[in-house]
Each structure stands twice: as C-alpha cells, then as structure tokens.
C-alpha cells in the first residue's frame, strides 16, 4: 500500500508492503491501546483521540523519523496510518509544531 505524505513543499510516496502491515498489527494494536489513554496534542490534552487525531499523532512521529533519518520508523508509522485508513489519499504534515494542523485527506 502507498501513503502520499507531504512535508513542507516536498511530497513523498511511502510504499509499505502488505507483509509489513500484517507483521506489525500487534504493534499497531499496542499503539491504539496507548492512545486510548489520552494524548497531548500540542497545547491540548485529548482524552480519547479519534481516528483523525490518531493519524495526526502518528504523522508527527513520521516527521520526527524523517528528521532523524530513521527509514524503518517512517515505514512502520506510515503502515499504521494505512492499516487504519486504507482509503487515505494524502497526509500533509504540519511542521510548525502544531500537531492539530496536520491534514489527513481520505
């Protein structure tokens, strides 16, 4: 599956294999359990992030992985978004530090 990801003015195509999605499902379920407890999203605490907010949270992690050049983490986090929103068109990651401004286009 492919995730189209835009960071600043650069668009990336992240290709995540079906095998990786399957192998990582247990990890993704753990991520969901962690987010079920609430999450700090910029200045706001969100008690129970919805699917859109979860994608924003994970997109922020992808941004961090890009900056630290951790390609495996980019793939793993992209896989989370693809596994939860398989019909996704694009994620436009906010780089100003406000996670809530990241756009998830499905």
Protein backbone atom coordinates (compact mmCIF):
# COMPACT_ATOMS: atom_id res chain seq x y z
CA UNK A 1 0.00 0.00 0.00
CA UNK A 2 1.13 3.53 -0.65
CA UNK A 3 0.92 6.62 1.55
CA UNK A 4 1.33 10.03 -0.06
CA UNK A 5 3.00 12.26 2.51
CA UNK A 6 3.73 15.96 2.16
CA UNK A 7 6.25 17.66 4.42
CA UNK A 8 6.75 21.36 3.73
CA UNK A 9 6.66 21.56 -0.07
CA UNK A 10 8.07 18.08 -0.66
CA UNK A 11 5.78 15.13 -1.40
CA UNK A 12 6.92 11.58 -0.69
CA UNK A 13 5.41 8.27 -1.72
CA UNK A 14 5.85 5.76 1.09
CA UNK A 15 5.35 2.19 -0.10
CA UNK A 16 4.55 -0.20 2.76
CA UNK A 17 4.34 -3.88 1.93
CA UNK A 18 1.29 -5.90 2.85
CA UNK A 19 3.62 -8.25 4.73
CA UNK A 20 4.87 -5.41 6.94
CA UNK A 21 1.30 -4.31 7.67
CA UNK A 22 0.40 -7.83 8.72
CA UNK A 23 3.54 -8.35 10.78
CA UNK A 24 3.13 -5.01 12.57
CA UNK A 25 -0.55 -5.39 13.50
CA UNK A 26 0.23 -6.37 17.10
CA UNK A 27 2.44 -3.28 17.42
CA UNK A 28 -0.32 -1.10 15.94
CA UNK A 29 -2.83 -2.54 18.41
CA UNK A 30 -0.43 -1.56 21.23
CA UNK A 31 -0.21 1.95 19.79
CA UNK A 32 -4.01 2.13 19.85
CA UNK A 33 -4.05 0.99 23.49
CA UNK A 34 -1.54 3.72 24.37
CA UNK A 35 -3.59 6.38 22.59
CA UNK A 36 -6.77 5.11 24.28
CA UNK A 37 -5.32 6.56 27.50
CA UNK A 38 -5.27 10.06 26.01
CA UNK A 39 -2.62 12.11 24.27
CA UNK A 40 -1.06 15.55 24.44
CA UNK A 41 -1.69 17.21 21.10
CA UNK A 42 0.24 20.47 21.05
CA UNK A 43 -1.36 22.59 23.79
CA UNK A 44 -4.36 20.32 24.31
CA UNK A 45 -4.87 17.06 26.17
CA UNK A 46 -7.22 14.80 24.22
CA UNK A 47 -8.91 12.20 26.44
CA UNK A 48 -9.72 9.78 23.63
CA UNK A 49 -8.22 10.66 20.27
CA UNK A 50 -10.47 9.77 17.36
CA UNK A 51 -9.14 8.16 14.19
CA UNK A 52 -8.32 11.50 12.56
CA UNK A 53 -6.40 12.65 15.63
CA UNK A 54 -4.57 9.33 15.85
CA UNK A 55 -3.40 9.82 12.28
CA UNK A 56 -2.21 13.32 13.21
CA UNK A 57 -0.29 11.90 16.16
CA UNK A 58 1.35 9.22 14.02
CA UNK A 59 2.13 11.72 11.25
CA UNK A 60 4.03 13.75 13.85
CA UNK A 61 6.06 10.64 14.64
CA UNK A 62 6.74 10.19 10.93
CA UNK A 63 8.03 13.75 10.80
CA UNK A 64 10.42 13.01 13.65
CA UNK A 65 11.59 9.83 11.92
CA UNK A 66 12.22 11.77 8.70
CA UNK A 67 14.33 14.34 10.52
CA UNK A 68 16.39 11.66 12.28
CA UNK A 69 16.61 9.59 9.07
CA UNK A 70 15.01 6.50 10.59
CA UNK A 71 13.57 4.95 7.43
CA UNK A 72 12.25 1.83 9.19
CA UNK A 73 10.26 4.02 11.60
CA UNK A 74 8.89 6.03 8.66
CA UNK A 75 7.67 2.79 7.10
CA UNK A 76 6.28 1.43 10.36
CA UNK A 77 4.37 4.61 11.23
CA UNK A 78 3.14 5.02 7.65
CA UNK A 79 1.87 1.46 7.89
CA UNK A 80 -0.17 2.37 10.96
CA UNK A 81 -2.00 5.08 9.02
CA UNK A 82 -2.53 2.78 6.03
CA UNK A 83 -3.81 -0.02 8.26
CA UNK A 84 -6.36 2.24 9.93
CA UNK A 85 -7.37 4.33 6.90
CA UNK A 86 -6.71 2.14 3.85
CA UNK A 87 -8.53 4.56 1.51
CA UNK A 88 -6.38 7.54 2.55
CA UNK A 89 -5.31 9.91 -0.21
CA UNK A 90 -2.68 12.06 1.47
CA UNK A 91 -1.28 13.32 4.76
CA UNK A 92 0.02 16.90 4.84
CA UNK A 93 2.24 17.14 7.89
CA UNK A 94 2.37 20.44 9.75
CA UNK A 95 5.95 21.42 10.55
CA UNK A 96 5.21 24.47 12.71
CA UNK A 97 4.92 22.35 15.85
CA UNK A 98 1.10 22.27 15.97
CA UNK A 99 0.14 18.63 15.52
CA UNK A 100 -3.54 19.62 15.18
CA UNK A 101 -2.78 21.41 11.89
CA UNK A 102 -1.72 18.21 10.13
CA UNK A 103 -4.24 17.39 7.39
CA UNK A 104 -5.44 13.85 6.77
CA UNK A 105 -7.19 13.61 3.42
CA UNK A 106 -9.24 10.47 2.87
